[in-house]
Every structure is written in structure tokens, then in C-alpha cells.
Protein backbone atom coordinates (compact mmCIF):
# COMPACT_ATOMS: atom_id res chain seq x y z
CA MET A 1 -42.81 48.27 -4.46
CA ALA A 2 -40.48 51.16 -3.77
CA PRO A 3 -38.42 50.91 -0.57
CA ILE A 4 -39.51 53.05 2.33
CA PRO A 5 -37.17 56.01 2.82
CA GLY A 6 -34.87 55.44 5.77
CA SER A 7 -35.43 51.62 5.95
CA GLY A 8 -31.73 50.90 5.44
CA LEU A 9 -30.78 53.22 8.28
CA ALA A 10 -33.31 51.54 10.55
CA LYS A 11 -31.91 48.07 9.81
CA GLY A 12 -28.38 49.25 10.54
CA LEU A 13 -29.40 50.79 13.85
CA ALA A 14 -31.24 47.59 14.78
CA VAL A 15 -28.08 45.54 14.26
CA THR A 16 -26.10 48.04 16.32
CA LEU A 17 -28.59 47.87 19.19
CA ARG A 18 -28.52 44.04 19.20
CA THR A 19 -24.72 43.87 19.36
CA MET A 20 -24.50 46.57 22.03
CA THR A 21 -26.46 44.43 24.48
CA LYS A 22 -24.21 41.36 24.04
CA LYS A 23 -21.09 40.81 26.07
CA SER A 24 -17.88 40.90 24.05
CA VAL A 25 -15.63 37.83 24.23
CA THR A 26 -11.89 38.23 23.83
CA ALA A 27 -9.65 35.23 23.20
CA GLN A 28 -6.90 35.37 25.80
CA TYR A 29 -3.98 34.61 23.50
CA PRO A 30 -1.45 33.04 24.10
CA ASP A 31 -3.16 31.28 27.01
CA ALA A 32 -6.03 30.27 24.70
CA GLN A 33 -4.87 29.05 21.31
CA PRO A 34 -7.02 30.01 18.32
CA ASP A 35 -8.99 27.33 16.55
CA LEU A 36 -7.55 27.55 13.05
CA PRO A 37 -8.66 25.63 9.96
CA PRO A 38 -6.48 22.58 9.19
CA ARG A 39 -5.23 24.03 5.86
CA THR A 40 -4.20 27.39 7.29
CA ARG A 41 -1.26 29.06 5.53
CA GLY A 42 1.08 29.43 8.48
CA VAL A 43 4.58 28.34 7.43
CA ILE A 44 6.06 26.21 4.63
CA GLY A 45 7.54 22.79 5.39
CA LEU A 46 10.09 20.96 3.23
CA PHE A 47 10.08 17.21 2.56
CA GLU A 48 13.69 16.96 1.46
CA GLU A 49 13.51 13.39 0.12
CA ASN A 50 11.10 14.48 -2.64
CA CYS A 51 13.14 17.48 -3.78
CA THR A 52 14.92 16.96 -7.12
CA VAL A 53 16.42 20.48 -7.32
CA CYS A 54 14.33 21.31 -10.38
CA MET A 55 14.35 25.02 -9.32
CA LEU A 56 10.71 25.53 -10.33
CA CYS A 57 9.74 26.95 -6.93
CA ALA A 58 12.62 29.45 -6.95
CA ARG A 59 11.91 30.57 -10.53
CA GLU A 60 8.15 31.00 -9.98
CA CYS A 61 8.41 32.81 -6.63
CA PRO A 62 7.29 36.43 -7.22
CA ASP A 63 9.30 37.68 -4.21
CA TRP A 64 12.49 35.75 -4.94
CA CYS A 65 12.64 34.59 -1.34
CA ILE A 66 13.69 30.97 -2.02
CA TYR A 67 17.41 30.17 -2.14
CA ILE A 68 18.60 26.82 -3.50
CA ASP A 69 22.16 25.53 -3.94
CA SER A 70 23.11 22.14 -5.32
CA HIS A 71 25.87 20.17 -7.01
CA LYS A 72 26.01 17.24 -9.40
CA GLU A 73 27.25 13.76 -8.58
CA THR A 74 28.05 10.88 -10.92
CA VAL A 75 26.14 7.68 -10.24
CA PRO A 76 27.88 4.45 -11.31
CA PRO A 77 26.00 2.16 -13.70
CA ALA A 78 23.52 -0.20 -12.09
CA ALA A 79 24.51 -3.11 -14.37
CA PRO A 80 27.78 -4.03 -16.04
CA GLY A 81 28.14 -2.36 -19.41
CA GLY A 82 25.79 0.51 -18.54
CA ARG A 83 26.63 4.17 -18.65
CA GLU A 84 27.14 6.52 -15.74
CA ARG A 85 24.44 8.99 -14.82
CA SER A 86 24.51 12.34 -13.04
CA ARG A 87 22.04 13.57 -10.44
CA ASN A 88 21.55 16.80 -8.51
CA VAL A 89 22.27 16.79 -4.78
CA LEU A 90 20.65 19.45 -2.59
CA ASP A 91 23.10 21.55 -0.60
CA ARG A 92 20.90 24.41 0.60
CA PHE A 93 17.18 25.13 0.63
CA ALA A 94 16.14 28.29 2.48
CA ILE A 95 13.04 30.51 2.56
CA ASP A 96 13.14 34.10 3.77
CA PHE A 97 9.78 34.57 5.51
CA SER A 98 10.44 38.28 5.94
CA LEU A 99 9.93 38.57 2.17
CA CYS A 100 7.39 35.79 1.65
CA MET A 101 3.83 36.95 0.92
CA TYR A 102 2.30 33.46 1.45
CA CYS A 103 0.90 33.19 -2.07
CA GLY A 104 1.48 29.43 -2.21
CA ILE A 105 2.77 29.43 -5.80
CA CYS A 106 5.89 27.46 -4.83
CA ILE A 107 3.74 24.70 -3.32
CA GLU A 108 1.45 24.54 -6.35
CA VAL A 109 4.21 24.35 -8.97
CA CYS A 110 6.30 21.72 -7.16
CA PRO A 111 5.91 18.59 -9.34
CA PHE A 112 7.18 16.16 -6.69
CA ASP A 113 5.25 17.29 -3.57
CA ALA A 114 8.27 18.54 -1.64
CA LEU A 115 6.62 21.67 -0.14
CA PHE A 116 3.57 21.74 2.14
CA TRP A 117 1.58 24.26 4.16
CA SER A 118 1.76 23.99 7.95
CA PRO A 119 -0.78 25.76 10.21
CA GLU A 120 1.98 26.80 12.65
CA PHE A 121 2.30 30.57 12.86
CA GLU A 122 4.29 31.18 16.04
CA TYR A 123 7.74 31.78 14.61
CA ALA A 124 8.22 35.49 15.22
CA GLU A 125 11.78 36.61 15.85
CA THR A 126 13.41 39.67 17.37
CA ASP A 127 16.01 39.71 14.58
CA ILE A 128 14.80 39.82 10.99
CA ARG A 129 17.74 37.71 9.89
CA ASP A 130 16.39 34.78 11.89
CA LEU A 131 13.31 34.64 9.66
CA THR A 132 15.38 32.96 6.95
CA HIS A 133 14.71 29.28 7.64
CA GLU A 134 17.25 26.80 6.34
CA ARG A 135 16.34 23.27 5.28
CA ASP A 136 16.82 21.84 8.78
CA LYS A 137 14.25 24.27 10.16
CA LEU A 138 11.95 23.69 7.21
CA ARG A 139 12.19 19.94 7.86
CA GLU A 140 11.00 20.50 11.44
CA TRP A 141 7.92 22.33 10.14
CA MET A 142 7.15 19.29 7.99
CA TRP A 143 6.11 17.23 11.03
CA THR A 144 3.38 19.79 11.84
CA VAL A 145 1.70 19.44 8.44
CA PRO A 146 -1.81 17.95 8.89
CA ALA A 147 -2.87 14.85 7.03
CA PRO A 148 -4.65 15.43 3.71
CA PRO A 149 -8.44 15.08 3.66
CA ALA A 150 -9.86 11.64 3.03
CA LEU A 151 -10.61 10.66 -0.53
CA ASP A 152 -14.05 9.91 -1.86
CA PRO A 153 -14.95 6.28 -1.00
CA GLY A 154 -15.70 5.64 -4.66
CA ALA A 155 -12.51 7.26 -5.95
CA GLU A 156 -9.72 5.28 -7.58
CA GLU A 157 -6.73 4.43 -5.43
CA PRO A 158 -3.72 6.70 -6.08
CA LYS A 159 -1.05 5.19 -8.30
CA GLU A 160 1.63 5.84 -5.69
CA LEU A 161 -0.20 3.73 -3.10
CA ALA A 162 -0.91 0.95 -5.59
CA ALA A 163 2.76 0.79 -6.64
CA ALA A 164 3.94 0.85 -3.00
CA ARG A 165 1.50 -1.92 -2.03
CA LYS A 166 2.59 -4.05 -4.99
CA ALA A 167 6.26 -3.65 -4.04
CA ALA A 168 5.48 -4.50 -0.40
CA ASP A 169 3.57 -7.65 -1.39
CA LYS A 170 6.42 -8.75 -3.65
CA LEU A 171 8.97 -8.21 -0.87
CA ALA A 172 6.79 -10.11 1.62
CA ALA A 173 6.48 -13.03 -0.81
CA GLN A 174 10.27 -13.18 -1.19
CA GLN A 175 10.83 -13.08 2.58
CA ALA A 176 8.12 -15.66 3.36
CA PRO A 177 9.49 -18.82 5.10
CA PRO A 178 9.52 -22.08 3.09
CA PRO A 179 6.63 -24.51 3.65
CA ALA A 180 6.99 -26.60 6.79
CA GLU A 181 8.02 -30.26 6.41
CA PRO A 182 5.40 -32.93 7.31
CA HIS A 183 5.31 -34.20 10.86
CA ALA A 184 7.28 -37.30 11.85
CA ASP A 185 4.05 -39.31 12.33
CA GLU A 186 2.87 -38.40 8.83
CA GLN A 187 6.22 -39.44 7.38
CA ALA A 188 6.02 -42.79 9.19
CA ARG A 189 2.50 -43.47 7.88
CA ALA A 190 3.55 -42.53 4.36
CA ALA A 191 6.51 -44.97 4.60
CA GLU A 192 4.26 -47.85 5.76
CA GLN A 193 1.89 -47.52 2.79
CA PRO A 194 2.90 -49.83 -0.09
CA THR A 195 3.99 -48.06 -3.20
CA ARG A 196 3.15 -49.33 -6.67
CA PRO A 197 5.92 -49.29 -9.28
CA GLN A 198 5.33 -46.80 -12.00
CA GLY A 199 5.95 -49.35 -14.78
CA ASP A 200 3.32 -51.83 -13.49
CA SER A 201 0.46 -49.37 -13.28
CA LYS A 202 0.01 -49.08 -17.06
CA GLN A 203 0.40 -52.81 -17.68
CA GLN A 204 -2.20 -53.69 -15.11
CA THR A 205 -4.69 -51.30 -16.58
CA ASP A 206 -4.16 -52.67 -20.13
CA GLN A 207 -4.66 -56.33 -19.16
CA PRO A 208 -8.27 -57.63 -19.19
CA LYS A 209 -9.75 -58.59 -15.86
CA PRO A 210 -10.02 -62.40 -15.30
CA GLU A 211 -13.55 -63.78 -15.39
CA ARG A 212 -14.99 -65.24 -12.21
CA PRO A 213 -15.48 -69.06 -12.54
CA LYS A 214 -19.02 -70.43 -12.36
CA PRO A 215 -20.05 -72.58 -9.38
CA GLY A 216 -19.11 -76.24 -9.98
CA ALA A 217 -16.85 -75.47 -12.95
CA PRO A 218 -13.26 -76.70 -12.64
CA THR A 219 -10.61 -74.12 -12.28
CA PRO A 220 -7.70 -74.06 -14.75
CA ASP A 221 -5.34 -75.36 -12.08
CA GLN A 222 -7.51 -78.43 -11.16
CA PRO A 223 -7.38 -81.59 -13.44
CA LYS A 224 -10.54 -82.54 -15.26
CA PRO A 225 -12.31 -85.67 -13.84
CA ASP A 226 -12.25 -88.92 -15.87
CA GLN A 227 -15.48 -89.32 -17.87
CA SER A 228 -15.39 -93.16 -17.66
CA LYS A 229 -15.45 -93.06 -13.89
CA LEU A 230 -18.37 -90.69 -13.91
CA ASP A 231 -20.43 -93.11 -16.11
CA GLN A 232 -19.99 -96.10 -13.71
CA PRO A 233 -22.97 -96.58 -11.35
CA LYS A 234 -22.43 -96.02 -7.67
CA PRO A 235 -22.84 -98.91 -5.20
CA GLY A 236 -26.49 -99.37 -4.26
CA GLN A 237 -27.79 -98.04 -7.55
CA GLU A 238 -27.50 -101.42 -9.41
CA GLY A 239 -30.14 -103.17 -7.29
CA SER A 240 -32.52 -100.32 -7.61
CA GLU A 241 -32.40 -100.54 -11.33
């Protein structure tokens, strides 16, 4: 079915008439703060402990607004006979936000999670030179970074958390107090119980158990009665015979 001529114009005028009758609402900033999404690209925070001075962020920045200075230090060997190693030490990390176009490439290419987005946006300055934030200022923005979204309940635990939990459990096991000694009463009862020598236990188990004597049978320790005395008649039995 072909559209009716002028239907698009009628729909547009209908929208205009509906919005003209509504009262406009203006957010009274800065008295009323805007409700921004948690992952808003406001300013970049630096987590200095994770930075290895790999220079990837500075090389990939299309505006060349990241400035990094570092020097090398020699680390002594951890064990005797080992060789010395060198590591980079961060001296300066600065971002010029007057040049930054908030593309987020530096955050994406960082292999050690040293850069993060913060939703803070109130850092305007009267002097353009103050928009170059050094690492101390970038570290302050790090505390305003929101927590990452929760993982899927069925997802596998990150390897970093598993390794950290394993190290914490190992440290707790090393620092655990030794088992408590038994109470004084238990020690006294254990001392009163007779102890069997270790050498006698095997001998007693190897020996056969002695047989129980039958009723009326003489024991090995008692002498056997004389048979001649048993054959003699008792007094009073001779007359009866």
C-alpha cells in the first residue's frame, strides 16, 4: 500500500504538539549532579604499581599526549651464584588532557592493567598548562574508578585471584600456631595407665593360650592323689558290704 502523501509531515507535527504541552526540566548543575553511567569516560587514572614502563600506551596514543620517563636499576641476584638483573623504574608519567581525545586506546593496549577510566569530569582549569596531570594527580583519580561489573556466576575464577588465594592460604598455614599441648588432667591420666613393653607384645601374641582345666581335674601345680589310698574302703562301708 502506497503511503498517504503528507503522512510524514503529520507525524512530525504530532510529536511537536505533544512536546510543546510538556514542561521542560532543566538540571540545575552544579547543584544537581548528573546521573552518569558507571563506565563514563571522564578522566584516566594510573595504578602505578602495575606499570612496567613498557611504553605501549605512549607509542599507541594518536595524539602523543602521554609523557613517560624512566631509568634502569640493577637488581642483585636473589640466590648466591645468580646473575644480576635490570628493571625499569618509573620517574614520570603524565597525560596532557588538553590534547587527549578520550579514545581509550592507551587503556586497551596496556598489558598490565595500569590505566583505568574514571567517571570524574570536573577538572577544568583556568590555565591550560594545569591540564597536564602528573602521576601523583593520576594516582588520585585512581581512587574514583568504579568497581568492575560482577562476573557470570558460572564463569571460571580469574587466575590472578586463584594465585593470590593460594599464596594467602600458604602464608596462613605457615603462620598458624602449633597444636596445643594436652591438659594437665589428661597427662596425669595417661601417666596412670600401665604401658606394655614393646618387646612383650609380639611374644604374647605368638604364645598359645593356656587351656582351661576341667572341673575336678588336678591342676599342674597340685600333686596327684595316691591310687592305693583311693582303693581302700571308707569306714562304714565294710559292714554294708
